[in-house]
Amino acid sequence: MKNTLVINYEVKDDGKLYLDFGSKDKINYTELLTVLVSSVSMTIRIIGEKSSPETEGVVFRDVINHLQKEFVNPNSFDDLKVVK
């Protein structure tokens, strides 16, 4: 069974990135995380193949640092809205 995930995003005047998964169906969050993490991994690997393994390592560390900053900052998800 083929599934589709469309992510709409917008960078607003406040500099924040707003995501909309736009699903009208109930989202399976475990599956969503698997798809997103796999996509990030694939993107990092493509960057490494197009440039160098060192660049791949730098991008990987940048992603991990970004995740850490998001979860350490208590205001990161103040505007999170989950529609059930």
PDB file of N, CA and C in Angstrom:
ATOM      1  N   MET A   1       0.835  -1.178   0.000  1.00  0.00           N
ATOM      2  CA  MET A   1       0.000   0.000   0.000  1.00  0.00           C
ATOM      3  C   MET A   1       0.884   1.246   0.000  1.00  0.00           C
ATOM      4  N   LYS A   2       0.625   2.134  -0.940  1.00  0.00           N
ATOM      5  CA  LYS A   2       1.408   3.356  -1.041  1.00  0.00           C
ATOM      6  C   LYS A   2       0.737   4.460  -0.240  1.00  0.00           C
ATOM      7  N   ASN A   3       1.510   5.120   0.578  1.00  0.00           N
ATOM      8  CA  ASN A   3       1.009   6.237   1.373  1.00  0.00           C
ATOM      9  C   ASN A   3       1.662   7.519   0.877  1.00  0.00           C
ATOM     10  N   THR A   4       1.008   8.616   1.130  1.00  0.00           N
ATOM     11  CA  THR A   4       1.525   9.910   0.713  1.00  0.00           C
ATOM     12  C   THR A   4       1.565  10.842   1.913  1.00  0.00           C
ATOM     13  N   LEU A   5       2.654  11.578   2.023  1.00  0.00           N
ATOM     14  CA  LEU A   5       2.785  12.594   3.061  1.00  0.00           C
ATOM     15  C   LEU A   5       3.146  13.898   2.364  1.00  0.00           C
ATOM     16  N   VAL A   6       2.300  14.890   2.501  1.00  0.00           N
ATOM     17  CA  VAL A   6       2.561  16.206   1.929  1.00  0.00           C
ATOM     18  C   VAL A   6       2.743  17.168   3.088  1.00  0.00           C
ATOM     19  N   ILE A   7       3.877  17.827   3.109  1.00  0.00           N
ATOM     20  CA  ILE A   7       4.164  18.779   4.179  1.00  0.00           C
ATOM     21  C   ILE A   7       4.184  20.178   3.568  1.00  0.00           C
ATOM     22  N   ASN A   8       3.254  21.000   4.005  1.00  0.00           N
ATOM     23  CA  ASN A   8       3.259  22.400   3.599  1.00  0.00           C
ATOM     24  C   ASN A   8       3.992  23.182   4.677  1.00  0.00           C
ATOM     25  N   TYR A   9       4.751  24.178   4.262  1.00  0.00           N
ATOM     26  CA  TYR A   9       5.456  24.985   5.261  1.00  0.00           C
ATOM     27  C   TYR A   9       5.487  26.434   4.823  1.00  0.00           C
ATOM     28  N   GLU A  10       5.686  27.280   5.811  1.00  0.00           N
ATOM     29  CA  GLU A  10       5.762  28.710   5.570  1.00  0.00           C
ATOM     30  C   GLU A  10       6.707  29.325   6.601  1.00  0.00           C
ATOM     31  N   VAL A  11       7.582  30.197   6.138  1.00  0.00           N
ATOM     32  CA  VAL A  11       8.419  30.975   7.050  1.00  0.00           C
ATOM     33  C   VAL A  11       7.730  32.327   7.172  1.00  0.00           C
ATOM     34  N   LYS A  12       7.282  32.620   8.377  1.00  0.00           N
ATOM     35  CA  LYS A  12       6.518  33.847   8.592  1.00  0.00           C
ATOM     36  C   LYS A  12       7.447  34.995   8.986  1.00  0.00           C
ATOM     37  N   ASP A  13       6.847  36.168   9.124  1.00  0.00           N
ATOM     38  CA  ASP A  13       7.616  37.371   9.441  1.00  0.00           C
ATOM     39  C   ASP A  13       8.396  37.257  10.742  1.00  0.00           C
ATOM     40  N   ASP A  14       7.926  36.407  11.665  1.00  0.00           N
ATOM     41  CA  ASP A  14       8.626  36.245  12.935  1.00  0.00           C
ATOM     42  C   ASP A  14       9.857  35.344  12.792  1.00  0.00           C
ATOM     43  N   GLY A  15      10.103  34.838  11.565  1.00  0.00           N
ATOM     44  CA  GLY A  15      11.274  33.995  11.313  1.00  0.00           C
ATOM     45  C   GLY A  15      11.055  32.526  11.634  1.00  0.00           C
ATOM     46  N   LYS A  16       9.875  32.201  12.169  1.00  0.00           N
ATOM     47  CA  LYS A  16       9.594  30.808  12.523  1.00  0.00           C
ATOM     48  C   LYS A  16       9.097  30.043  11.306  1.00  0.00           C
ATOM     49  N   LEU A  17       9.410  28.765  11.299  1.00  0.00           N
ATOM     50  CA  LEU A  17       8.949  27.872  10.252  1.00  0.00           C
ATOM     51  C   LEU A  17       7.677  27.191  10.732  1.00  0.00           C
ATOM     52  N   TYR A  18       6.602  27.348   9.986  1.00  0.00           N
ATOM     53  CA  TYR A  18       5.324  26.744  10.328  1.00  0.00           C
ATOM     54  C   TYR A  18       5.062  25.561   9.408  1.00  0.00           C
ATOM     55  N   LEU A  19       4.797  24.409   9.994  1.00  0.00           N
ATOM     56  CA  LEU A  19       4.544  23.183   9.241  1.00  0.00           C
ATOM     57  C   LEU A  19       3.073  22.819   9.311  1.00  0.00           C
ATOM     58  N   ASP A  20       2.592  22.252   8.216  1.00  0.00           N
ATOM     59  CA  ASP A  20       1.228  21.744   8.177  1.00  0.00           C
ATOM     60  C   ASP A  20       1.273  20.399   7.472  1.00  0.00           C
ATOM     61  N   PHE A  21       0.980  19.327   8.209  1.00  0.00           N
ATOM     62  CA  PHE A  21       0.975  17.992   7.616  1.00  0.00           C
ATOM     63  C   PHE A  21      -0.306  17.760   6.829  1.00  0.00           C
ATOM     64  N   GLY A  22      -1.305  18.612   7.017  1.00  0.00           N
ATOM     65  CA  GLY A  22      -2.492  18.648   6.204  1.00  0.00           C
ATOM     66  C   GLY A  22      -3.257  17.350   6.037  1.00  0.00           C
ATOM     67  N   SER A  23      -3.079  16.429   6.931  1.00  0.00           N
ATOM     68  CA  SER A  23      -3.761  15.147   6.795  1.00  0.00           C
ATOM     69  C   SER A  23      -5.186  15.239   7.319  1.00  0.00           C
ATOM     70  N   LYS A  24      -6.117  14.757   6.525  1.00  0.00           N
ATOM     71  CA  LYS A  24      -7.498  14.689   6.976  1.00  0.00           C
ATOM     72  C   LYS A  24      -7.759  13.372   7.702  1.00  0.00           C
ATOM     73  N   ASP A  25      -6.841  12.436   7.548  1.00  0.00           N
ATOM     74  CA  ASP A  25      -6.934  11.152   8.231  1.00  0.00           C
ATOM     75  C   ASP A  25      -6.174  11.234   9.543  1.00  0.00           C
ATOM     76  N   LYS A  26      -6.460  10.318  10.421  1.00  0.00           N
ATOM     77  CA  LYS A  26      -5.729  10.244  11.683  1.00  0.00           C
ATOM     78  C   LYS A  26      -4.275   9.883  11.379  1.00  0.00           C
ATOM     79  N   ILE A  27      -3.354  10.621  11.970  1.00  0.00           N
ATOM     80  CA  ILE A  27      -1.936  10.405  11.714  1.00  0.00           C
ATOM     81  C   ILE A  27      -1.389   9.362  12.678  1.00  0.00           C
ATOM     82  N   ASN A  28      -0.701   8.387  12.126  1.00  0.00           N
ATOM     83  CA  ASN A  28       0.014   7.405  12.929  1.00  0.00           C
ATOM     84  C   ASN A  28       1.382   8.029  13.223  1.00  0.00           C
ATOM     85  N   TYR A  29       1.570   8.506  14.451  1.00  0.00           N
ATOM     86  CA  TYR A  29       2.771   9.270  14.775  1.00  0.00           C
ATOM     87  C   TYR A  29       4.044   8.433  14.715  1.00  0.00           C
ATOM     88  N   THR A  30       3.956   7.161  15.026  1.00  0.00           N
ATOM     89  CA  THR A  30       5.133   6.292  14.911  1.00  0.00           C
ATOM     90  C   THR A  30       5.565   6.193  13.454  1.00  0.00           C
ATOM     91  N   GLU A  31       4.601   6.004  12.584  1.00  0.00           N
ATOM     92  CA  GLU A  31       4.897   5.924  11.154  1.00  0.00           C
ATOM     93  C   GLU A  31       5.400   7.272  10.638  1.00  0.00           C
ATOM     94  N   LEU A  32       4.784   8.353  11.081  1.00  0.00           N
ATOM     95  CA  LEU A  32       5.206   9.687  10.669  1.00  0.00           C
ATOM     96  C   LEU A  32       6.652   9.940  11.070  1.00  0.00           C
ATOM     97  N   LEU A  33       7.017   9.603  12.307  1.00  0.00           N
ATOM     98  CA  LEU A  33       8.395   9.780  12.757  1.00  0.00           C
ATOM     99  C   LEU A  33       9.362   8.946  11.922  1.00  0.00           C
ATOM    100  N   THR A  34       8.975   7.727  11.604  1.00  0.00           N
ATOM    101  CA  THR A  34       9.826   6.873  10.777  1.00  0.00           C
ATOM    102  C   THR A  34      10.061   7.503   9.410  1.00  0.00           C
ATOM    103  N   VAL A  35       9.004   8.016   8.802  1.00  0.00           N
ATOM    104  CA  VAL A  35       9.119   8.647   7.485  1.00  0.00           C
ATOM    105  C   VAL A  35       9.998   9.893   7.555  1.00  0.00           C
ATOM    106  N   LEU A  36       9.772  10.737   8.552  1.00  0.00           N
ATOM    107  CA  LEU A  36      10.530  11.978   8.663  1.00  0.00           C
ATOM    108  C   LEU A  36      12.009  11.733   8.953  1.00  0.00           C
ATOM    109  N   VAL A  37      12.291  10.844   9.895  1.00  0.00           N
ATOM    110  CA  VAL A  37      13.684  10.555  10.247  1.00  0.00           C
ATOM    111  C   VAL A  37      14.395   9.886   9.066  1.00  0.00           C
ATOM    112  N   SER A  38      13.712   8.997   8.378  1.00  0.00           N
ATOM    113  CA  SER A  38      14.306   8.360   7.202  1.00  0.00           C
ATOM    114  C   SER A  38      14.601   9.395   6.123  1.00  0.00           C
ATOM    115  N   SER A  39      13.706  10.353   5.967  1.00  0.00           N
ATOM    116  CA  SER A  39      13.919  11.418   4.981  1.00  0.00           C
ATOM    117  C   SER A  39      15.129  12.278   5.329  1.00  0.00           C
ATOM    118  N   VAL A  40      15.264  12.609   6.607  1.00  0.00           N
ATOM    119  CA  VAL A  40      16.420  13.396   7.049  1.00  0.00           C
ATOM    120  C   VAL A  40      17.709  12.600   6.824  1.00  0.00           C
ATOM    121  N   SER A  41      17.679  11.313   7.185  1.00  0.00           N
ATOM    122  CA  SER A  41      18.861  10.463   6.995  1.00  0.00           C
ATOM    123  C   SER A  41      19.252  10.381   5.529  1.00  0.00           C
ATOM    124  N   MET A  42      18.260  10.199   4.672  1.00  0.00           N
ATOM    125  CA  MET A  42      18.530  10.103   3.244  1.00  0.00           C
ATOM    126  C   MET A  42      19.106  11.419   2.711  1.00  0.00           C
ATOM    127  N   THR A  43      18.565  12.529   3.166  1.00  0.00           N
ATOM    128  CA  THR A  43      19.053  13.837   2.736  1.00  0.00           C
ATOM    129  C   THR A  43      20.504  14.044   3.157  1.00  0.00           C
ATOM    130  N   ILE A  44      20.833  13.677   4.385  1.00  0.00           N
ATOM    131  CA  ILE A  44      22.220  13.798   4.864  1.00  0.00           C
ATOM    132  C   ILE A  44      23.136  12.923   4.027  1.00  0.00           C
ATOM    133  N   ARG A  45      22.711  11.707   3.717  1.00  0.00           N
ATOM    134  CA  ARG A  45      23.526  10.796   2.915  1.00  0.00           C
ATOM    135  C   ARG A  45      23.746  11.353   1.506  1.00  0.00           C
ATOM    136  N   ILE A  46      22.711  11.932   0.908  1.00  0.00           N
ATOM    137  CA  ILE A  46      22.832  12.526  -0.426  1.00  0.00           C
ATOM    138  C   ILE A  46      23.828  13.674  -0.399  1.00  0.00           C
ATOM    139  N   ILE A  47      23.761  14.506   0.627  1.00  0.00           N
ATOM    140  CA  ILE A  47      24.714  15.614   0.768  1.00  0.00           C
ATOM    141  C   ILE A  47      26.136  15.073   0.828  1.00  0.00           C
ATOM    142  N   GLY A  48      26.349  14.010   1.595  1.00  0.00           N
ATOM    143  CA  GLY A  48      27.677  13.400   1.700  1.00  0.00           C
ATOM    144  C   GLY A  48      28.172  12.851   0.377  1.00  0.00           C
ATOM    145  N   GLU A  49      27.288  12.228  -0.381  1.00  0.00           N
ATOM    146  CA  GLU A  49      27.679  11.667  -1.674  1.00  0.00           C
ATOM    147  C   GLU A  49      27.977  12.757  -2.693  1.00  0.00           C
ATOM    148  N   LYS A  50      27.281  13.879  -2.608  1.00  0.00           N
ATOM    149  CA  LYS A  50      27.506  14.965  -3.560  1.00  0.00           C
ATOM    150  C   LYS A  50      28.706  15.830  -3.185  1.00  0.00           C
ATOM    151  N   SER A  51      29.121  15.777  -1.933  1.00  0.00           N
ATOM    152  CA  SER A  51      30.266  16.600  -1.527  1.00  0.00           C
ATOM    153  C   SER A  51      31.362  15.722  -0.937  1.00  0.00           C
ATOM    154  N   SER A  52      31.234  15.393   0.342  1.00  0.00           N
ATOM    155  CA  SER A  52      32.274  14.573   0.974  1.00  0.00           C
ATOM    156  C   SER A  52      31.735  13.949   2.255  1.00  0.00           C
ATOM    157  N   PRO A  53      32.366  12.863   2.712  1.00  0.00           N
ATOM    158  CA  PRO A  53      31.957  12.266   3.988  1.00  0.00           C
ATOM    159  C   PRO A  53      32.097  13.250   5.155  1.00  0.00           C
ATOM    160  N   GLU A  54      33.075  14.137   5.064  1.00  0.00           N
ATOM    161  CA  GLU A  54      33.261  15.128   6.134  1.00  0.00           C
ATOM    162  C   GLU A  54      32.056  16.069   6.197  1.00  0.00           C
ATOM    163  N   THR A  55      31.572  16.479   5.027  1.00  0.00           N
ATOM    164  CA  THR A  55      30.405  17.354   4.978  1.00  0.00           C
ATOM    165  C   THR A  55      29.191  16.633   5.549  1.00  0.00           C
ATOM    166  N   GLU A  56      29.064  15.355   5.236  1.00  0.00           N
ATOM    167  CA  GLU A  56      27.967  14.559   5.775  1.00  0.00           C
ATOM    168  C   GLU A  56      27.998  14.582   7.300  1.00  0.00           C
ATOM    169  N   GLY A  57      29.172  14.441   7.878  1.00  0.00           N
ATOM    170  CA  GLY A  57      29.321  14.479   9.335  1.00  0.00           C
ATOM    171  C   GLY A  57      28.954  15.826   9.916  1.00  0.00           C
ATOM    172  N   VAL A  58      29.346  16.901   9.235  1.00  0.00           N
ATOM    173  CA  VAL A  58      29.022  18.252   9.700  1.00  0.00           C
ATOM    174  C   VAL A  58      27.514  18.470   9.671  1.00  0.00           C
ATOM    175  N   VAL A  59      26.871  18.072   8.581  1.00  0.00           N
ATOM    176  CA  VAL A  59      25.421  18.243   8.471  1.00  0.00           C
ATOM    177  C   VAL A  59      24.704  17.409   9.532  1.00  0.00           C
ATOM    178  N   PHE A  60      25.164  16.183   9.757  1.00  0.00           N
ATOM    179  CA  PHE A  60      24.564  15.331  10.783  1.00  0.00           C
ATOM    180  C   PHE A  60      24.654  16.002  12.155  1.00  0.00           C
ATOM    181  N   ARG A  61      25.820  16.531  12.498  1.00  0.00           N
ATOM    182  CA  ARG A  61      25.977  17.219  13.787  1.00  0.00           C
ATOM    183  C   ARG A  61      25.083  18.457  13.865  1.00  0.00           C
ATOM    184  N   ASP A  62      24.954  19.185  12.748  1.00  0.00           N
ATOM    185  CA  ASP A  62      24.067  20.356  12.727  1.00  0.00           C
ATOM    186  C   ASP A  62      22.620  19.961  13.014  1.00  0.00           C
ATOM    187  N   VAL A  63      22.178  18.848  12.445  1.00  0.00           N
ATOM    188  CA  VAL A  63      20.812  18.370  12.674  1.00  0.00           C
ATOM    189  C   VAL A  63      20.617  18.006  14.143  1.00  0.00           C
ATOM    190  N   ILE A  64      21.568  17.277  14.715  1.00  0.00           N
ATOM    191  CA  ILE A  64      21.473  16.887  16.126  1.00  0.00           C
ATOM    192  C   ILE A  64      21.470  18.125  17.020  1.00  0.00           C
ATOM    193  N   ASN A  65      22.345  19.091  16.725  1.00  0.00           N
ATOM    194  CA  ASN A  65      22.385  20.327  17.514  1.00  0.00           C
ATOM    195  C   ASN A  65      21.065  21.086  17.413  1.00  0.00           C
ATOM    196  N   HIS A  66      20.478  21.118  16.231  1.00  0.00           N
ATOM    197  CA  HIS A  66      19.193  21.802  16.050  1.00  0.00           C
ATOM    198  C   HIS A  66      18.103  21.127  16.891  1.00  0.00           C
ATOM    199  N   LEU A  67      18.059  19.807  16.864  1.00  0.00           N
ATOM    200  CA  LEU A  67      17.081  19.078  17.674  1.00  0.00           C
ATOM    201  C   LEU A  67      17.266  19.360  19.162  1.00  0.00           C
ATOM    202  N   GLN A  68      18.516  19.374  19.603  1.00  0.00           N
ATOM    203  CA  GLN A  68      18.783  19.661  21.015  1.00  0.00           C
ATOM    204  C   GLN A  68      18.291  21.053  21.392  1.00  0.00           C
ATOM    205  N   LYS A  69      18.569  22.036  20.542  1.00  0.00           N
ATOM    206  CA  LYS A  69      18.136  23.408  20.822  1.00  0.00           C
ATOM    207  C   LYS A  69      16.617  23.508  20.868  1.00  0.00           C
ATOM    208  N   GLU A  70      15.936  22.810  19.963  1.00  0.00           N
ATOM    209  CA  GLU A  70      14.473  22.843  19.944  1.00  0.00           C
ATOM    210  C   GLU A  70      13.883  22.318  21.247  1.00  0.00           C
ATOM    211  N   PHE A  71      14.453  21.238  21.768  1.00  0.00           N
ATOM    212  CA  PHE A  71      13.880  20.618  22.960  1.00  0.00           C
ATOM    213  C   PHE A  71      14.344  21.261  24.255  1.00  0.00           C
ATOM    214  N   VAL A  72      15.468  21.964  24.224  1.00  0.00           N
ATOM    215  CA  VAL A  72      15.941  22.657  25.423  1.00  0.00           C
ATOM    216  C   VAL A  72      15.199  23.974  25.593  1.00  0.00           C
ATOM    217  N   ASN A  73      14.832  24.609  24.491  1.00  0.00           N
ATOM    218  CA  ASN A  73      14.132  25.888  24.528  1.00  0.00           C
ATOM    219  C   ASN A  73      12.664  25.654  24.878  1.00  0.00           C
ATOM    220  N   PRO A  74      12.217  26.128  26.042  1.00  0.00           N
ATOM    221  CA  PRO A  74      10.834  25.878  26.456  1.00  0.00           C
ATOM    222  C   PRO A  74       9.803  26.588  25.574  1.00  0.00           C
ATOM    223  N   ASN A  75      10.228  27.571  24.784  1.00  0.00           N
ATOM    224  CA  ASN A  75       9.306  28.323  23.939  1.00  0.00           C
ATOM    225  C   ASN A  75       9.215  27.786  22.513  1.00  0.00           C
ATOM    226  N   SER A  76       9.992  26.749  22.202  1.00  0.00           N
ATOM    227  CA  SER A  76      10.052  26.257  20.831  1.00  0.00           C
ATOM    228  C   SER A  76       8.706  25.838  20.282  1.00  0.00           C
ATOM    229  N   PHE A  77       7.889  25.246  21.104  1.00  0.00           N
ATOM    230  CA  PHE A  77       6.633  24.694  20.609  1.00  0.00           C
ATOM    231  C   PHE A  77       5.420  25.355  21.251  1.00  0.00           C
ATOM    232  N   ASP A  78       5.569  26.628  21.649  1.00  0.00           N
ATOM    233  CA  ASP A  78       4.456  27.360  22.258  1.00  0.00           C
ATOM    234  C   ASP A  78       3.242  27.426  21.341  1.00  0.00           C
ATOM    235  N   ASP A  79       3.495  27.496  20.050  1.00  0.00           N
ATOM    236  CA  ASP A  79       2.401  27.675  19.098  1.00  0.00           C
ATOM    237  C   ASP A  79       1.996  26.354  18.426  1.00  0.00           C
ATOM    238  N   LEU A  80       2.400  25.247  19.017  1.00  0.00           N
ATOM    239  CA  LEU A  80       2.031  23.938  18.484  1.00  0.00           C
ATOM    240  C   LEU A  80       0.534  23.726  18.608  1.00  0.00           C
ATOM    241  N   LYS A  81      -0.072  23.347  17.492  1.00  0.00           N
ATOM    242  CA  LYS A  81      -1.502  23.086  17.498  1.00  0.00           C
ATOM    243  C   LYS A  81      -1.716  21.725  16.847  1.00  0.00           C
ATOM    244  N   VAL A  82      -2.268  20.791  17.595  1.00  0.00           N
ATOM    245  CA  VAL A  82      -2.563  19.465  17.080  1.00  0.00           C
ATOM    246  C   VAL A  82      -4.070  19.349  16.948  1.00  0.00           C
ATOM    247  N   VAL A  83      -4.515  19.095  15.737  1.00  0.00           N
ATOM    248  CA  VAL A  83      -5.942  18.910  15.497  1.00  0.00           C
ATOM    249  C   VAL A  83      -6.239  17.437  15.539  1.00  0.00           C
ATOM    250  N   LYS A  84      -7.115  17.033  16.449  1.00  0.00           N
ATOM    251  CA  LYS A  84      -7.423  15.613  16.605  1.00  0.00           C
ATOM    252  C   LYS A  84      -8.728  15.273  15.915  1.00  0.00           C
TER     253      LYS A  84
END
